Amino acid sequence: MDALSGCTPAFLVEYCLRQGFLLDKAKAQALSDYLNLLMQWNKVMNLVGAKRWRDALDELVMDSFHLEHFLQEQILMKLPTAPEIWDLGAGAGLPGIPLRILWQDGTYWLVEAREKRAIFLSTVLARQTLPGTRVFRGRAEVFMRDKKADLIVSRAFMPWRELLEFVHGFLRPGGVVVFLSLEEFHTPPGTDWLKVGHYVYETGKETRHFCAFSAV
């Protein structure tokens, strides 16, 4: 397929199967719609570094498939059946939007302070049926006030040690923070955090990691 043309559901079903993931037609349609909209907006707003949808699929979207697998295999059994999830610094919705296309339990907040990205997220949600998925446009510290999460997801919101300190006290008992990174993180010495999960995978030419911590 020509990477300059639009992404199609049929391509995604076949592509994901080659990657070891099953994707039904409805989810493939939702994901192709998201990718095409992302590339359309990216031409004028520079939402992500990838300039072609195929690059965004390879370099960004596939993280969400691995994240969903990691959550199902190692994390969700530790959480309530309908968890409260915060995606801090949600950006253009990666990994959040593809993750919610794949998995829709609980309430998932896309927290984004940058106006253009928050508008894009709201536009996506207006066009997609993603139950329990919401956008908060504003600073994370304002959003978190008087709230607690079961799961916090962070791609590049702030350095991981700083984020653990930032969200301390905002997790419910047994709550988990998950980081997406290019290296494995270990329990910081002298803190009351415990590493509770780790997942490593290959995407493109990179090795990537999910590292999960829970307060003790």
C-alpha atoms as a PDB file:
ATOM      1  CA  MET A   1       0.000   0.000   0.000  1.00  0.00           C
ATOM      2  CA  ASP A   2       1.146   3.540  -0.771  1.00  0.00           C
ATOM      3  CA  ALA A   3       1.992   5.125   2.579  1.00  0.00           C
ATOM      4  CA  LEU A   4       0.911   8.512   1.197  1.00  0.00           C
ATOM      5  CA  SER A   5      -2.673   7.306   0.712  1.00  0.00           C
ATOM      6  CA  GLY A   6      -5.111   6.938   3.556  1.00  0.00           C
ATOM      7  CA  CYS A   7      -4.963   4.103   6.032  1.00  0.00           C
ATOM      8  CA  THR A   8      -7.681   1.468   5.542  1.00  0.00           C
ATOM      9  CA  PRO A   9      -9.281  -0.971   8.011  1.00  0.00           C
ATOM     10  CA  ALA A  10      -8.365  -3.928   5.803  1.00  0.00           C
ATOM     11  CA  PHE A  11      -4.683  -2.978   5.897  1.00  0.00           C
ATOM     12  CA  LEU A  12      -4.768  -2.659   9.698  1.00  0.00           C
ATOM     13  CA  VAL A  13      -6.372  -6.072  10.204  1.00  0.00           C
ATOM     14  CA  GLU A  14      -3.655  -7.728   8.106  1.00  0.00           C
ATOM     15  CA  TYR A  15      -0.849  -5.619   9.557  1.00  0.00           C
ATOM     16  CA  CYS A  16      -1.829  -6.344  13.158  1.00  0.00           C
ATOM     17  CA  LEU A  17      -2.129 -10.055  12.439  1.00  0.00           C
ATOM     18  CA  ARG A  18       1.469 -10.053  11.194  1.00  0.00           C
ATOM     19  CA  GLN A  19       2.436  -8.351  14.469  1.00  0.00           C
ATOM     20  CA  GLY A  20       0.649 -11.026  16.490  1.00  0.00           C
ATOM     21  CA  PHE A  21      -2.481  -9.027  17.405  1.00  0.00           C
ATOM     22  CA  LEU A  22      -6.069  -9.737  16.427  1.00  0.00           C
ATOM     23  CA  LEU A  23      -8.056  -6.660  15.388  1.00  0.00           C
ATOM     24  CA  ASP A  24     -11.720  -6.905  14.458  1.00  0.00           C
ATOM     25  CA  LYS A  25     -13.278  -4.839  11.677  1.00  0.00           C
ATOM     26  CA  ALA A  26     -15.004  -2.319  13.962  1.00  0.00           C
ATOM     27  CA  LYS A  27     -11.790  -1.535  15.865  1.00  0.00           C
ATOM     28  CA  ALA A  28      -9.831  -1.427  12.616  1.00  0.00           C
ATOM     29  CA  GLN A  29     -12.289   1.133  11.249  1.00  0.00           C
ATOM     30  CA  ALA A  30     -11.964   3.275  14.392  1.00  0.00           C
ATOM     31  CA  LEU A  31      -8.187   3.074  14.335  1.00  0.00           C
ATOM     32  CA  SER A  32      -7.916   3.949  10.637  1.00  0.00           C
ATOM     33  CA  ASP A  33     -10.243   6.917  11.173  1.00  0.00           C
ATOM     34  CA  TYR A  34      -8.028   8.120  14.028  1.00  0.00           C
ATOM     35  CA  LEU A  35      -4.809   7.715  12.051  1.00  0.00           C
ATOM     36  CA  ASN A  36      -6.184   9.543   9.027  1.00  0.00           C
ATOM     37  CA  LEU A  37      -7.501  12.391  11.176  1.00  0.00           C
ATOM     38  CA  LEU A  38      -4.182  12.599  13.013  1.00  0.00           C
ATOM     39  CA  MET A  39      -2.288  12.948   9.742  1.00  0.00           C
ATOM     40  CA  GLN A  40      -4.767  15.524   8.447  1.00  0.00           C
ATOM     41  CA  TRP A  41      -4.356  17.722  11.525  1.00  0.00           C
ATOM     42  CA  ASN A  42      -0.628  17.040  11.700  1.00  0.00           C
ATOM     43  CA  LYS A  43      -0.070  18.892   8.435  1.00  0.00           C
ATOM     44  CA  VAL A  44      -0.970  22.194  10.072  1.00  0.00           C
ATOM     45  CA  MET A  45      -0.465  21.599  13.811  1.00  0.00           C
ATOM     46  CA  ASN A  46       2.623  19.372  14.065  1.00  0.00           C
ATOM     47  CA  LEU A  47       0.978  17.091  16.620  1.00  0.00           C
ATOM     48  CA  VAL A  48       3.490  14.243  16.226  1.00  0.00           C
ATOM     49  CA  GLY A  49       6.877  13.831  14.603  1.00  0.00           C
ATOM     50  CA  ALA A  50       5.687  11.201  12.115  1.00  0.00           C
ATOM     51  CA  LYS A  51       4.615  12.755   8.820  1.00  0.00           C
ATOM     52  CA  ARG A  52       3.037   9.645   7.287  1.00  0.00           C
ATOM     53  CA  TRP A  53       0.367   7.426   8.807  1.00  0.00           C
ATOM     54  CA  ARG A  54       2.459   4.295   8.276  1.00  0.00           C
ATOM     55  CA  ASP A  55       5.296   5.802  10.307  1.00  0.00           C
ATOM     56  CA  ALA A  56       2.846   6.803  13.039  1.00  0.00           C
ATOM     57  CA  LEU A  57       1.477   3.259  13.033  1.00  0.00           C
ATOM     58  CA  ASP A  58       4.911   1.656  13.288  1.00  0.00           C
ATOM     59  CA  GLU A  59       6.473   4.108  15.731  1.00  0.00           C
ATOM     60  CA  LEU A  60       3.565   5.196  17.941  1.00  0.00           C
ATOM     61  CA  VAL A  61       0.312   3.263  17.603  1.00  0.00           C
ATOM     62  CA  MET A  62       1.828  -0.180  18.097  1.00  0.00           C
ATOM     63  CA  ASP A  63       2.867   0.917  21.591  1.00  0.00           C
ATOM     64  CA  SER A  64      -0.842   0.885  22.470  1.00  0.00           C
ATOM     65  CA  PHE A  65      -1.246  -2.742  21.403  1.00  0.00           C
ATOM     66  CA  HIS A  66       1.661  -3.778  23.593  1.00  0.00           C
ATOM     67  CA  LEU A  67       0.373  -1.590  26.433  1.00  0.00           C
ATOM     68  CA  GLU A  68      -3.049  -3.241  26.276  1.00  0.00           C
ATOM     69  CA  HIS A  69      -1.369  -6.660  26.410  1.00  0.00           C
ATOM     70  CA  PHE A  70       0.807  -5.603  29.342  1.00  0.00           C
ATOM     71  CA  LEU A  71      -2.165  -4.246  31.280  1.00  0.00           C
ATOM     72  CA  GLN A  72      -4.230  -7.367  30.691  1.00  0.00           C
ATOM     73  CA  GLU A  73      -1.391  -9.732  31.620  1.00  0.00           C
ATOM     74  CA  GLN A  74       0.205  -7.973  34.596  1.00  0.00           C
ATOM     75  CA  ILE A  75      -1.736  -4.985  35.930  1.00  0.00           C
ATOM     76  CA  LEU A  76      -5.519  -5.071  35.629  1.00  0.00           C
ATOM     77  CA  MET A  77      -5.995  -7.983  38.013  1.00  0.00           C
ATOM     78  CA  LYS A  78      -4.575  -5.700  40.732  1.00  0.00           C
ATOM     79  CA  LEU A  79      -7.172  -2.971  40.043  1.00  0.00           C
ATOM     80  CA  PRO A  80     -10.961  -2.563  40.387  1.00  0.00           C
ATOM     81  CA  THR A  81     -13.064  -3.887  37.494  1.00  0.00           C
ATOM     82  CA  ALA A  82     -13.886  -0.307  36.424  1.00  0.00           C
ATOM     83  CA  PRO A  83     -10.660   1.607  37.156  1.00  0.00           C
ATOM     84  CA  GLU A  84     -10.149   5.359  37.118  1.00  0.00           C
ATOM     85  CA  ILE A  85      -7.310   5.983  34.637  1.00  0.00           C
ATOM     86  CA  TRP A  86      -5.365   9.208  34.068  1.00  0.00           C
ATOM     87  CA  ASP A  87      -3.243   9.772  30.984  1.00  0.00           C
ATOM     88  CA  LEU A  88      -1.123  12.754  31.980  1.00  0.00           C
ATOM     89  CA  GLY A  89       0.255  14.830  29.118  1.00  0.00           C
ATOM     90  CA  ALA A  90      -1.941  12.963  26.641  1.00  0.00           C
ATOM     91  CA  GLY A  91      -0.638  14.897  23.636  1.00  0.00           C
ATOM     92  CA  ALA A  92      -2.273  13.780  20.393  1.00  0.00           C
ATOM     93  CA  GLY A  93      -3.771  10.730  22.082  1.00  0.00           C
ATOM     94  CA  LEU A  94      -0.863   8.308  21.984  1.00  0.00           C
ATOM     95  CA  PRO A  95      -1.048   5.827  23.546  1.00  0.00           C
ATOM     96  CA  GLY A  96      -4.492   6.744  24.910  1.00  0.00           C
ATOM     97  CA  ILE A  97      -6.794   6.803  21.877  1.00  0.00           C
ATOM     98  CA  PRO A  98      -5.645   3.515  20.282  1.00  0.00           C
ATOM     99  CA  LEU A  99      -5.610   1.938  23.756  1.00  0.00           C
ATOM    100  CA  ARG A 100      -9.243   2.940  24.288  1.00  0.00           C
ATOM    101  CA  ILE A 101     -10.182   1.586  20.875  1.00  0.00           C
ATOM    102  CA  LEU A 102      -8.803  -1.765  22.050  1.00  0.00           C
ATOM    103  CA  TRP A 103      -9.949  -1.676  25.690  1.00  0.00           C
ATOM    104  CA  GLN A 104     -12.737   0.400  27.204  1.00  0.00           C
ATOM    105  CA  ASP A 105     -13.091  -0.578  30.867  1.00  0.00           C
ATOM    106  CA  GLY A 106     -13.410   2.133  33.490  1.00  0.00           C
ATOM    107  CA  THR A 107     -12.999   5.875  33.019  1.00  0.00           C
ATOM    108  CA  TYR A 108     -10.039   7.156  31.025  1.00  0.00           C
ATOM    109  CA  TRP A 109      -9.041  10.819  31.312  1.00  0.00           C
ATOM    110  CA  LEU A 110      -6.857  12.362  28.608  1.00  0.00           C
ATOM    111  CA  VAL A 111      -5.249  15.269  30.479  1.00  0.00           C
ATOM    112  CA  GLU A 112      -3.615  17.838  28.209  1.00  0.00           C
ATOM    113  CA  ALA A 113      -2.690  21.458  28.939  1.00  0.00           C
ATOM    114  CA  ARG A 114      -1.784  22.454  25.362  1.00  0.00           C
ATOM    115  CA  GLU A 115      -4.876  23.896  23.723  1.00  0.00           C
ATOM    116  CA  LYS A 116      -4.403  22.648  20.157  1.00  0.00           C
ATOM    117  CA  ARG A 117      -3.778  19.092  21.273  1.00  0.00           C
ATOM    118  CA  ALA A 118      -6.731  19.170  23.665  1.00  0.00           C
ATOM    119  CA  ILE A 119      -8.969  20.434  20.832  1.00  0.00           C
ATOM    120  CA  PHE A 120      -7.740  17.598  18.622  1.00  0.00           C
ATOM    121  CA  LEU A 121      -8.523  15.053  21.356  1.00  0.00           C
ATOM    122  CA  SER A 122     -12.019  16.471  21.790  1.00  0.00           C
ATOM    123  CA  THR A 123     -12.537  16.276  18.018  1.00  0.00           C
ATOM    124  CA  VAL A 124     -11.503  12.609  18.020  1.00  0.00           C
ATOM    125  CA  LEU A 125     -13.925  11.794  20.822  1.00  0.00           C
ATOM    126  CA  ALA A 126     -16.736  13.637  19.029  1.00  0.00           C
ATOM    127  CA  ARG A 127     -16.217  11.329  16.039  1.00  0.00           C
ATOM    128  CA  GLN A 128     -15.527   8.061  17.854  1.00  0.00           C
ATOM    129  CA  THR A 129     -17.557   5.917  20.217  1.00  0.00           C
ATOM    130  CA  LEU A 130     -15.160   5.396  23.121  1.00  0.00           C
ATOM    131  CA  PRO A 131     -17.213   4.889  26.300  1.00  0.00           C
ATOM    132  CA  GLY A 132     -15.787   6.383  29.472  1.00  0.00           C
ATOM    133  CA  THR A 133     -13.112   8.366  27.628  1.00  0.00           C
ATOM    134  CA  ARG A 134     -12.909  12.083  28.418  1.00  0.00           C
ATOM    135  CA  VAL A 135     -10.651  15.085  27.852  1.00  0.00           C
ATOM    136  CA  PHE A 136      -9.512  17.571  30.471  1.00  0.00           C
ATOM    137  CA  ARG A 137      -7.962  20.717  28.980  1.00  0.00           C
ATOM    138  CA  GLY A 138      -5.689  22.191  31.614  1.00  0.00           C
ATOM    139  CA  ARG A 139      -2.778  21.539  33.920  1.00  0.00           C
ATOM    140  CA  ALA A 140      -2.452  18.154  35.572  1.00  0.00           C
ATOM    141  CA  GLU A 141      -2.184  19.593  39.089  1.00  0.00           C
ATOM    142  CA  VAL A 142      -5.550  21.310  38.602  1.00  0.00           C
ATOM    143  CA  PHE A 143      -7.147  18.155  37.249  1.00  0.00           C
ATOM    144  CA  MET A 144      -5.839  15.968  40.084  1.00  0.00           C
ATOM    145  CA  ARG A 145      -7.121  18.217  42.842  1.00  0.00           C
ATOM    146  CA  ASP A 146      -9.455  16.276  45.180  1.00  0.00           C
ATOM    147  CA  LYS A 147      -9.234  13.154  42.967  1.00  0.00           C
ATOM    148  CA  LYS A 148      -7.525   9.771  43.112  1.00  0.00           C
ATOM    149  CA  ALA A 149      -6.667   7.321  40.334  1.00  0.00           C
ATOM    150  CA  ASP A 150      -6.333   3.560  40.098  1.00  0.00           C
ATOM    151  CA  LEU A 151      -3.973   3.761  37.131  1.00  0.00           C
ATOM    152  CA  ILE A 152      -1.798   6.581  35.786  1.00  0.00           C
ATOM    153  CA  VAL A 153      -0.175   6.320  32.356  1.00  0.00           C
ATOM    154  CA  SER A 154       2.742   8.488  31.268  1.00  0.00           C
ATOM    155  CA  ARG A 155       4.689   8.554  28.019  1.00  0.00           C
ATOM    156  CA  ALA A 156       6.821  11.672  28.342  1.00  0.00           C
ATOM    157  CA  PHE A 157       4.961  13.962  30.730  1.00  0.00           C
ATOM    158  CA  MET A 158       7.975  14.495  33.005  1.00  0.00           C
ATOM    159  CA  PRO A 159      11.011  12.475  34.151  1.00  0.00           C
ATOM    160  CA  TRP A 160       9.818   9.302  35.819  1.00  0.00           C
ATOM    161  CA  ARG A 161      11.233   9.921  39.282  1.00  0.00           C
ATOM    162  CA  GLU A 162       9.710  13.407  39.308  1.00  0.00           C
ATOM    163  CA  LEU A 163       6.368  12.009  38.195  1.00  0.00           C
ATOM    164  CA  LEU A 164       6.319   9.456  41.002  1.00  0.00           C
ATOM    165  CA  GLU A 165       6.803  12.319  43.462  1.00  0.00           C
ATOM    166  CA  PHE A 166       4.233  14.456  41.594  1.00  0.00           C
ATOM    167  CA  VAL A 167       1.440  11.852  41.796  1.00  0.00           C
ATOM    168  CA  HIS A 168       2.253  10.536  45.269  1.00  0.00           C
ATOM    169  CA  GLY A 169      -0.905  10.746  47.334  1.00  0.00           C
ATOM    170  CA  PHE A 170      -3.175  10.799  44.280  1.00  0.00           C
ATOM    171  CA  LEU A 171      -3.433   7.021  43.887  1.00  0.00           C
ATOM    172  CA  ARG A 172      -6.013   4.834  45.539  1.00  0.00           C
ATOM    173  CA  PRO A 173      -4.689   1.890  47.594  1.00  0.00           C
ATOM    174  CA  GLY A 174      -3.049  -0.541  45.208  1.00  0.00           C
ATOM    175  CA  GLY A 175      -2.964   2.027  42.415  1.00  0.00           C
ATOM    176  CA  VAL A 176      -0.333   1.754  39.704  1.00  0.00           C
ATOM    177  CA  VAL A 177       1.758   4.174  37.614  1.00  0.00           C
ATOM    178  CA  VAL A 178       2.886   2.880  34.193  1.00  0.00           C
ATOM    179  CA  PHE A 179       5.737   4.469  32.226  1.00  0.00           C
ATOM    180  CA  LEU A 180       6.551   4.018  28.540  1.00  0.00           C
ATOM    181  CA  SER A 181      10.304   4.332  28.041  1.00  0.00           C
ATOM    182  CA  LEU A 182      13.384   3.297  26.091  1.00  0.00           C
ATOM    183  CA  GLU A 183      14.978   1.782  29.191  1.00  0.00           C
ATOM    184  CA  GLU A 184      13.972  -0.277  32.181  1.00  0.00           C
ATOM    185  CA  PHE A 185      13.348   1.636  35.408  1.00  0.00           C
ATOM    186  CA  HIS A 186      14.002   0.137  38.827  1.00  0.00           C
ATOM    187  CA  THR A 187      12.526   0.979  42.214  1.00  0.00           C
ATOM    188  CA  PRO A 188      14.077   4.276  43.357  1.00  0.00           C
ATOM    189  CA  PRO A 189      16.101   3.742  46.551  1.00  0.00           C
ATOM    190  CA  GLY A 190      14.840   5.485  49.638  1.00  0.00           C
ATOM    191  CA  THR A 191      11.258   5.821  48.401  1.00  0.00           C
ATOM    192  CA  ASP A 192       8.004   4.076  49.256  1.00  0.00           C
ATOM    193  CA  TRP A 193       7.433   2.804  45.710  1.00  0.00           C
ATOM    194  CA  LEU A 194       7.552  -0.812  44.583  1.00  0.00           C
ATOM    195  CA  LYS A 195       8.066  -2.041  41.036  1.00  0.00           C
ATOM    196  CA  VAL A 196       5.092  -4.279  40.232  1.00  0.00           C
ATOM    197  CA  GLY A 197       5.433  -4.965  36.512  1.00  0.00           C
ATOM    198  CA  HIS A 198       7.783  -4.875  33.539  1.00  0.00           C
ATOM    199  CA  TYR A 199       7.295  -5.595  29.833  1.00  0.00           C
ATOM    200  CA  VAL A 200       9.820  -5.302  27.011  1.00  0.00           C
ATOM    201  CA  TYR A 201       9.172  -5.395  23.277  1.00  0.00           C
ATOM    202  CA  GLU A 202      10.644  -4.455  19.918  1.00  0.00           C
ATOM    203  CA  THR A 203       9.160  -1.832  17.613  1.00  0.00           C
ATOM    204  CA  GLY A 204      10.976  -0.769  14.484  1.00  0.00           C
ATOM    205  CA  LYS A 205      14.649  -0.558  15.415  1.00  0.00           C
ATOM    206  CA  GLU A 206      14.040   0.174  19.108  1.00  0.00           C
ATOM    207  CA  THR A 207      13.626  -1.838  22.258  1.00  0.00           C
ATOM    208  CA  ARG A 208      10.936  -0.297  24.469  1.00  0.00           C
ATOM    209  CA  HIS A 209       9.736  -0.905  28.008  1.00  0.00           C
ATOM    210  CA  PHE A 210       6.699  -0.539  30.216  1.00  0.00           C
ATOM    211  CA  CYS A 211       7.574  -0.216  33.894  1.00  0.00           C
ATOM    212  CA  ALA A 212       4.881  -0.189  36.576  1.00  0.00           C
ATOM    213  CA  PHE A 213       5.163   1.082  40.153  1.00  0.00           C
ATOM    214  CA  SER A 214       2.802   1.047  43.109  1.00  0.00           C
ATOM    215  CA  ALA A 215       3.060   2.993  46.354  1.00  0.00           C
ATOM    216  CA  VAL A 216       3.630   0.912  49.495  1.00  0.00           C
END
